[in-house]
Amino acid sequence: VSRGMVAKLVSCALKLNLSKDVPFTDVSGSEYEEYIKKVYAYGYMNGVSDDRFSPDAVMTRAEFCQLFNNIIGRNDMGLTALDENGNEYEITAADYSFIDMSPEHWAYEVCLKATSAYDDNGYISISTRQENMRNIIDEFDSQLLY
């Protein structure tokens, strides 16, 4: 899905009404221009550089995770969990079996935060994450025709 289409989907789904001029040189005349101005005004999406939004480029997993965190206010969350003894430890990509995530990637923490389940105290709950995933998988019946 293109970055412009995602801007449209988010703008329409959240019924965004604020709009702001953008510093991007590749947005004027785009079919997504008005939606890009809205998601930019809310701080949900930025450009791929200071002057380019790339509305027709495919949105990456990392970019989507950043968008998700921006929308739900998860950017300031930590990556700390508690073990069975109540000791704190830091979540890593290995905890989620993300084999293609390097700590040097700009979105390493972004992707971990977006895919974590947090408890009421702000700690990551591995068991809640696993339960959420298991429920989704259990409900899926590959034999159904859609």
N, C-alpha and C. Protein backbone atom coordinates (compact mmCIF):
# COMPACT_ATOMS: atom_id res chain seq x y z
N VAL A 1 0.85 -1.17 0.00
CA VAL A 1 0.00 0.00 0.00
C VAL A 1 0.90 1.24 0.00
N SER A 2 0.55 2.22 -0.78
CA SER A 2 1.38 3.43 -0.89
C SER A 2 1.24 4.31 0.35
N ARG A 3 2.24 5.13 0.57
CA ARG A 3 2.23 6.07 1.69
C ARG A 3 1.06 7.05 1.56
N GLY A 4 0.76 7.46 0.35
CA GLY A 4 -0.37 8.36 0.12
C GLY A 4 -1.70 7.69 0.45
N MET A 5 -1.85 6.44 0.05
CA MET A 5 -3.08 5.70 0.35
C MET A 5 -3.24 5.52 1.86
N VAL A 6 -2.15 5.24 2.55
CA VAL A 6 -2.21 5.12 4.01
C VAL A 6 -2.63 6.45 4.62
N ALA A 7 -2.11 7.55 4.10
CA ALA A 7 -2.51 8.87 4.60
C ALA A 7 -4.02 9.05 4.42
N LYS A 8 -4.54 8.62 3.28
CA LYS A 8 -5.97 8.73 3.03
C LYS A 8 -6.76 7.85 3.99
N LEU A 9 -6.35 6.61 4.15
CA LEU A 9 -7.04 5.68 5.04
C LEU A 9 -7.09 6.20 6.47
N VAL A 10 -5.95 6.67 6.96
CA VAL A 10 -5.88 7.19 8.33
C VAL A 10 -6.73 8.45 8.46
N SER A 11 -6.62 9.33 7.50
CA SER A 11 -7.37 10.59 7.54
C SER A 11 -8.87 10.34 7.57
N CYS A 12 -9.32 9.43 6.73
CA CYS A 12 -10.76 9.13 6.67
C CYS A 12 -11.22 8.33 7.89
N ALA A 13 -10.44 7.35 8.30
CA ALA A 13 -10.83 6.51 9.42
C ALA A 13 -10.91 7.29 10.73
N LEU A 14 -9.98 8.21 10.91
CA LEU A 14 -9.95 9.00 12.14
C LEU A 14 -10.70 10.32 12.01
N LYS A 15 -11.28 10.56 10.83
CA LYS A 15 -12.04 11.78 10.56
C LYS A 15 -11.24 13.03 10.94
N LEU A 16 -10.01 13.08 10.42
CA LEU A 16 -9.13 14.21 10.70
C LEU A 16 -9.66 15.45 9.99
N ASN A 17 -9.65 16.58 10.67
CA ASN A 17 -10.14 17.80 10.03
C ASN A 17 -9.12 18.93 10.01
N LEU A 18 -8.07 18.85 10.82
CA LEU A 18 -7.02 19.86 10.74
C LEU A 18 -6.19 19.62 9.49
N SER A 19 -5.66 20.69 8.93
CA SER A 19 -4.82 20.58 7.76
C SER A 19 -3.68 21.57 7.91
N LYS A 20 -2.55 21.23 7.34
CA LYS A 20 -1.37 22.09 7.48
C LYS A 20 -0.56 22.01 6.19
N ASP A 21 -0.03 23.15 5.76
CA ASP A 21 0.85 23.14 4.60
C ASP A 21 2.05 22.24 4.90
N VAL A 22 2.50 21.56 3.89
CA VAL A 22 3.62 20.63 4.06
C VAL A 22 4.85 21.13 3.32
N PRO A 23 6.03 20.77 3.81
CA PRO A 23 7.26 21.21 3.16
C PRO A 23 7.71 20.30 2.02
N PHE A 24 6.85 19.39 1.61
CA PHE A 24 7.23 18.38 0.63
C PHE A 24 6.98 18.86 -0.80
N THR A 25 7.97 18.69 -1.64
CA THR A 25 7.88 19.16 -3.03
C THR A 25 7.17 18.17 -3.95
N ASP A 26 6.90 16.98 -3.45
CA ASP A 26 6.30 15.95 -4.31
C ASP A 26 4.84 15.66 -3.98
N VAL A 27 4.18 16.57 -3.26
CA VAL A 27 2.80 16.35 -2.83
C VAL A 27 1.79 17.14 -3.65
N SER A 28 2.19 18.31 -4.10
CA SER A 28 1.30 19.18 -4.85
C SER A 28 0.76 18.46 -6.09
N GLY A 29 -0.56 18.43 -6.22
CA GLY A 29 -1.19 17.79 -7.36
C GLY A 29 -1.43 16.30 -7.17
N SER A 30 -0.91 15.72 -6.10
CA SER A 30 -1.14 14.30 -5.84
C SER A 30 -2.60 14.09 -5.45
N GLU A 31 -3.15 12.96 -5.82
CA GLU A 31 -4.52 12.64 -5.43
C GLU A 31 -4.65 12.52 -3.91
N TYR A 32 -3.53 12.41 -3.21
CA TYR A 32 -3.53 12.25 -1.75
C TYR A 32 -3.15 13.53 -1.01
N GLU A 33 -2.98 14.62 -1.75
CA GLU A 33 -2.47 15.86 -1.16
C GLU A 33 -3.23 16.29 0.09
N GLU A 34 -4.56 16.36 0.03
CA GLU A 34 -5.33 16.83 1.17
C GLU A 34 -5.18 15.90 2.37
N TYR A 35 -5.06 14.61 2.14
CA TYR A 35 -4.92 13.65 3.23
C TYR A 35 -3.53 13.73 3.86
N ILE A 36 -2.53 13.94 3.03
CA ILE A 36 -1.16 14.09 3.53
C ILE A 36 -1.07 15.32 4.42
N LYS A 37 -1.72 16.41 4.01
CA LYS A 37 -1.72 17.63 4.82
C LYS A 37 -2.38 17.39 6.18
N LYS A 38 -3.37 16.52 6.21
CA LYS A 38 -4.06 16.23 7.47
C LYS A 38 -3.22 15.37 8.40
N VAL A 39 -2.67 14.27 7.89
CA VAL A 39 -1.88 13.42 8.78
C VAL A 39 -0.61 14.13 9.23
N TYR A 40 -0.11 15.02 8.40
CA TYR A 40 1.06 15.82 8.77
C TYR A 40 0.68 16.82 9.87
N ALA A 41 -0.47 17.43 9.76
CA ALA A 41 -0.93 18.40 10.76
C ALA A 41 -1.06 17.77 12.13
N TYR A 42 -1.47 16.52 12.17
CA TYR A 42 -1.64 15.81 13.45
C TYR A 42 -0.34 15.18 13.95
N GLY A 43 0.69 15.22 13.11
CA GLY A 43 1.97 14.62 13.50
C GLY A 43 2.00 13.11 13.36
N TYR A 44 1.06 12.57 12.61
CA TYR A 44 1.00 11.11 12.45
C TYR A 44 1.99 10.60 11.41
N MET A 45 2.23 11.40 10.36
CA MET A 45 3.17 11.00 9.31
C MET A 45 4.08 12.17 8.97
N ASN A 46 5.32 11.83 8.65
CA ASN A 46 6.29 12.80 8.17
C ASN A 46 6.77 12.35 6.79
N GLY A 47 7.68 13.09 6.26
CA GLY A 47 8.23 12.74 4.96
C GLY A 47 9.35 11.73 5.07
N VAL A 48 9.80 11.26 3.92
CA VAL A 48 10.96 10.38 3.89
C VAL A 48 12.25 11.19 3.96
N SER A 49 12.10 12.50 3.77
CA SER A 49 13.20 13.45 3.96
C SER A 49 12.54 14.79 4.31
N ASP A 50 13.32 15.81 4.47
CA ASP A 50 12.77 17.12 4.82
C ASP A 50 11.86 17.69 3.74
N ASP A 51 12.11 17.33 2.48
CA ASP A 51 11.32 17.92 1.39
C ASP A 51 10.59 16.91 0.50
N ARG A 52 10.60 15.64 0.89
CA ARG A 52 9.90 14.61 0.10
C ARG A 52 9.03 13.75 0.99
N PHE A 53 7.80 13.53 0.54
CA PHE A 53 6.88 12.64 1.24
C PHE A 53 6.85 11.25 0.57
N SER A 54 7.03 11.21 -0.73
CA SER A 54 6.95 9.98 -1.53
C SER A 54 5.58 9.33 -1.42
N PRO A 55 4.54 10.03 -1.85
CA PRO A 55 3.18 9.49 -1.71
C PRO A 55 2.93 8.19 -2.47
N ASP A 56 3.69 7.94 -3.53
CA ASP A 56 3.46 6.73 -4.33
C ASP A 56 4.35 5.56 -3.93
N ALA A 57 5.27 5.80 -2.99
CA ALA A 57 6.14 4.72 -2.54
C ALA A 57 5.38 3.79 -1.60
N VAL A 58 5.73 2.53 -1.64
CA VAL A 58 5.10 1.54 -0.75
C VAL A 58 5.55 1.83 0.68
N MET A 59 4.59 1.85 1.60
CA MET A 59 4.90 2.08 3.00
C MET A 59 5.57 0.83 3.56
N THR A 60 6.67 1.03 4.27
CA THR A 60 7.39 -0.10 4.85
C THR A 60 6.78 -0.49 6.20
N ARG A 61 7.15 -1.66 6.65
CA ARG A 61 6.72 -2.12 7.98
C ARG A 61 7.18 -1.14 9.05
N ALA A 62 8.40 -0.68 8.95
CA ALA A 62 8.93 0.25 9.94
C ALA A 62 8.15 1.56 9.94
N GLU A 63 7.85 2.08 8.76
CA GLU A 63 7.07 3.32 8.67
C GLU A 63 5.67 3.14 9.25
N PHE A 64 5.07 1.97 9.00
CA PHE A 64 3.74 1.73 9.54
C PHE A 64 3.78 1.63 11.06
N CYS A 65 4.80 0.98 11.59
CA CYS A 65 4.93 0.90 13.05
C CYS A 65 5.08 2.29 13.65
N GLN A 66 5.84 3.17 12.99
CA GLN A 66 5.99 4.53 13.49
C GLN A 66 4.65 5.25 13.46
N LEU A 67 3.91 5.10 12.37
CA LEU A 67 2.58 5.69 12.27
C LEU A 67 1.68 5.20 13.39
N PHE A 68 1.65 3.91 13.61
CA PHE A 68 0.84 3.30 14.67
C PHE A 68 1.19 3.89 16.03
N ASN A 69 2.48 3.95 16.32
CA ASN A 69 2.92 4.52 17.61
C ASN A 69 2.53 5.99 17.73
N ASN A 70 2.64 6.73 16.63
CA ASN A 70 2.27 8.15 16.66
C ASN A 70 0.78 8.31 16.97
N ILE A 71 -0.04 7.48 16.37
CA ILE A 71 -1.49 7.59 16.55
C ILE A 71 -1.90 7.23 17.98
N ILE A 72 -1.36 6.15 18.51
CA ILE A 72 -1.82 5.71 19.83
C ILE A 72 -0.97 6.24 20.97
N GLY A 73 0.02 7.08 20.67
CA GLY A 73 0.82 7.69 21.71
C GLY A 73 1.79 6.75 22.39
N ARG A 74 2.35 5.84 21.65
CA ARG A 74 3.22 4.83 22.23
C ARG A 74 4.71 5.19 22.14
N ASN A 75 5.06 6.31 21.57
CA ASN A 75 6.47 6.65 21.38
C ASN A 75 7.27 6.74 22.67
N ASP A 76 6.63 7.17 23.74
CA ASP A 76 7.35 7.35 25.01
C ASP A 76 7.35 6.10 25.89
N MET A 77 6.75 5.03 25.41
CA MET A 77 6.73 3.79 26.19
C MET A 77 8.13 3.17 26.22
N GLY A 78 8.38 2.41 27.25
CA GLY A 78 9.67 1.73 27.37
C GLY A 78 9.62 0.35 26.74
N LEU A 79 10.73 -0.33 26.84
CA LEU A 79 10.83 -1.70 26.33
C LEU A 79 11.19 -2.65 27.47
N THR A 80 10.63 -2.39 28.64
CA THR A 80 10.94 -3.16 29.83
C THR A 80 9.81 -4.12 30.16
N ALA A 81 10.19 -5.34 30.51
CA ALA A 81 9.23 -6.36 30.95
C ALA A 81 9.68 -6.86 32.31
N LEU A 82 8.82 -7.63 32.95
CA LEU A 82 9.16 -8.25 34.23
C LEU A 82 9.22 -9.76 34.05
N ASP A 83 10.26 -10.39 34.60
CA ASP A 83 10.32 -11.84 34.53
C ASP A 83 9.45 -12.45 35.62
N GLU A 84 9.42 -13.77 35.72
CA GLU A 84 8.55 -14.45 36.68
C GLU A 84 8.87 -14.10 38.14
N ASN A 85 10.07 -13.56 38.39
CA ASN A 85 10.45 -13.16 39.74
C ASN A 85 10.27 -11.67 39.99
N GLY A 86 9.71 -10.96 39.01
CA GLY A 86 9.50 -9.53 39.16
C GLY A 86 10.70 -8.67 38.84
N ASN A 87 11.72 -9.27 38.24
CA ASN A 87 12.92 -8.53 37.85
C ASN A 87 12.73 -7.92 36.46
N GLU A 88 13.16 -6.69 36.30
CA GLU A 88 13.04 -6.01 35.01
C GLU A 88 14.09 -6.51 34.03
N TYR A 89 13.68 -6.58 32.76
CA TYR A 89 14.63 -6.86 31.69
C TYR A 89 14.15 -6.16 30.43
N GLU A 90 15.08 -5.90 29.53
CA GLU A 90 14.78 -5.20 28.29
C GLU A 90 14.36 -6.20 27.20
N ILE A 91 13.28 -5.87 26.51
CA ILE A 91 12.81 -6.66 25.38
C ILE A 91 13.72 -6.42 24.18
N THR A 92 14.02 -7.47 23.46
CA THR A 92 14.82 -7.36 22.24
C THR A 92 14.06 -8.02 21.09
N ALA A 93 14.56 -7.84 19.90
CA ALA A 93 13.94 -8.46 18.73
C ALA A 93 13.93 -9.98 18.86
N ALA A 94 14.94 -10.54 19.53
CA ALA A 94 15.00 -11.99 19.71
C ALA A 94 13.82 -12.50 20.55
N ASP A 95 13.34 -11.68 21.49
CA ASP A 95 12.19 -12.09 22.31
C ASP A 95 10.95 -12.32 21.46
N TYR A 96 10.87 -11.63 20.33
CA TYR A 96 9.71 -11.76 19.45
C TYR A 96 10.04 -12.56 18.19
N SER A 97 11.22 -13.12 18.15
CA SER A 97 11.69 -13.90 17.00
C SER A 97 11.72 -13.07 15.72
N PHE A 98 12.05 -11.78 15.86
CA PHE A 98 12.26 -10.93 14.69
C PHE A 98 13.68 -11.17 14.21
N ILE A 99 13.83 -11.98 13.20
CA ILE A 99 15.17 -12.35 12.77
C ILE A 99 15.81 -11.32 11.84
N ASP A 100 15.01 -10.36 11.37
CA ASP A 100 15.55 -9.39 10.42
C ASP A 100 15.69 -8.00 11.03
N MET A 101 15.66 -7.90 12.34
CA MET A 101 15.75 -6.58 12.99
C MET A 101 17.10 -6.41 13.67
N SER A 102 17.80 -5.39 13.28
CA SER A 102 19.08 -5.06 13.88
C SER A 102 18.91 -3.87 14.82
N PRO A 103 19.55 -3.89 15.97
CA PRO A 103 19.46 -2.74 16.89
C PRO A 103 19.95 -1.43 16.27
N GLU A 104 20.68 -1.51 15.18
CA GLU A 104 21.17 -0.30 14.51
C GLU A 104 20.12 0.32 13.58
N HIS A 105 19.08 -0.41 13.24
CA HIS A 105 18.05 0.10 12.33
C HIS A 105 17.30 1.23 13.03
N TRP A 106 16.95 2.28 12.29
CA TRP A 106 16.29 3.45 12.88
C TRP A 106 14.97 3.09 13.56
N ALA A 107 14.32 2.02 13.11
CA ALA A 107 13.01 1.68 13.64
C ALA A 107 13.03 0.45 14.55
N TYR A 108 14.18 0.07 15.02
CA TYR A 108 14.29 -1.11 15.88
C TYR A 108 13.34 -1.00 17.08
N GLU A 109 13.48 0.05 17.86
CA GLU A 109 12.61 0.23 19.03
C GLU A 109 11.18 0.54 18.62
N VAL A 110 11.02 1.26 17.52
CA VAL A 110 9.69 1.60 17.00
C VAL A 110 8.88 0.32 16.76
N CYS A 111 9.48 -0.65 16.07
CA CYS A 111 8.79 -1.90 15.75
C CYS A 111 8.51 -2.73 17.00
N LEU A 112 9.44 -2.74 17.93
CA LEU A 112 9.20 -3.48 19.17
C LEU A 112 8.06 -2.87 19.96
N LYS A 113 8.02 -1.56 20.05
CA LYS A 113 6.93 -0.90 20.78
C LYS A 113 5.58 -1.15 20.12
N ALA A 114 5.54 -1.08 18.81
CA ALA A 114 4.28 -1.24 18.07
C ALA A 114 3.73 -2.65 18.20
N THR A 115 4.59 -3.63 18.41
CA THR A 115 4.14 -5.02 18.46
C THR A 115 4.09 -5.58 19.88
N SER A 116 4.26 -4.72 20.86
CA SER A 116 4.23 -5.15 22.26
C SER A 116 2.84 -4.96 22.85
N ALA A 117 2.56 -5.71 23.90
CA ALA A 117 1.35 -5.52 24.70
C ALA A 117 1.82 -4.99 26.05
N TYR A 118 1.22 -3.91 26.50
CA TYR A 118 1.64 -3.27 27.75
C TYR A 118 0.60 -3.50 28.84
N ASP A 119 1.09 -3.63 30.08
CA ASP A 119 0.16 -3.75 31.20
C ASP A 119 -0.15 -2.35 31.73
N ASP A 120 -0.96 -2.27 32.76
CA ASP A 120 -1.39 -0.98 33.30
C ASP A 120 -0.25 -0.18 33.94
N ASN A 121 0.87 -0.84 34.23
CA ASN A 121 2.01 -0.17 34.84
C ASN A 121 3.07 0.23 33.82
N GLY A 122 2.79 0.00 32.55
CA GLY A 122 3.71 0.40 31.49
C GLY A 122 4.77 -0.63 31.16
N TYR A 123 4.68 -1.82 31.76
CA TYR A 123 5.60 -2.89 31.43
C TYR A 123 5.05 -3.70 30.27
N ILE A 124 5.95 -4.25 29.49
CA ILE A 124 5.54 -5.13 28.42
C ILE A 124 5.12 -6.46 29.03
N SER A 125 3.99 -6.96 28.56
CA SER A 125 3.48 -8.25 29.02
C SER A 125 3.61 -9.27 27.89
N ILE A 126 4.59 -10.12 28.00
CA ILE A 126 4.81 -11.15 26.99
C ILE A 126 3.61 -12.09 26.94
N SER A 127 3.07 -12.45 28.10
CA SER A 127 1.94 -13.39 28.12
C SER A 127 0.72 -12.79 27.43
N THR A 128 0.44 -11.51 27.66
CA THR A 128 -0.70 -10.88 26.98
C THR A 128 -0.47 -10.85 25.48
N ARG A 129 0.75 -10.53 25.07
CA ARG A 129 1.08 -10.52 23.64
C ARG A 129 0.83 -11.89 23.03
N GLN A 130 1.31 -12.93 23.70
CA GLN A 130 1.15 -14.28 23.18
C GLN A 130 -0.32 -14.70 23.17
N GLU A 131 -1.07 -14.32 24.20
CA GLU A 131 -2.49 -14.64 24.23
C GLU A 131 -3.23 -13.95 23.10
N ASN A 132 -2.90 -12.69 22.85
CA ASN A 132 -3.54 -11.95 21.77
C ASN A 132 -3.26 -12.61 20.42
N MET A 133 -2.02 -12.99 20.21
CA MET A 133 -1.65 -13.65 18.95
C MET A 133 -2.31 -15.01 18.83
N ARG A 134 -2.33 -15.76 19.92
CA ARG A 134 -2.92 -17.09 19.90
C ARG A 134 -4.41 -17.01 19.58
N ASN A 135 -5.12 -16.05 20.16
CA ASN A 135 -6.55 -15.90 19.89
C ASN A 135 -6.80 -15.65 18.42
N ILE A 136 -6.01 -14.80 17.82
CA ILE A 136 -6.17 -14.49 16.40
C ILE A 136 -5.92 -15.74 15.55
N ILE A 137 -4.85 -16.45 15.87
CA ILE A 137 -4.51 -17.64 15.10
C ILE A 137 -5.59 -18.71 15.28
N ASP A 138 -6.08 -18.88 16.52
CA ASP A 138 -7.11 -19.90 16.78
C ASP A 138 -8.40 -19.61 16.03
N GLU A 139 -8.71 -18.33 15.82
CA GLU A 139 -9.95 -17.97 15.14
C GLU A 139 -9.85 -18.13 13.62
N PHE A 140 -8.62 -18.26 13.12
CA PHE A 140 -8.43 -18.37 11.69
C PHE A 140 -8.68 -19.80 11.24
N ASP A 141 -9.52 -19.97 10.26
CA ASP A 141 -9.79 -21.27 9.70
C ASP A 141 -9.44 -21.21 8.21
N SER A 142 -8.32 -21.79 7.88
CA SER A 142 -7.83 -21.69 6.50
C SER A 142 -8.73 -22.42 5.50
N GLN A 143 -9.67 -23.19 5.99
CA GLN A 143 -10.54 -23.93 5.09
C GLN A 143 -11.74 -23.10 4.64
N LEU A 144 -11.97 -21.98 5.32
CA LEU A 144 -13.11 -21.15 4.94
C LEU A 144 -12.81 -20.41 3.64
N LEU A 145 -13.81 -20.28 2.84
CA LEU A 145 -13.66 -19.52 1.60
C LEU A 145 -14.25 -18.13 1.83
N TYR A 146 -13.50 -17.12 1.46
CA TYR A 146 -13.97 -15.75 1.65
C TYR A 146 -14.27 -15.12 0.32
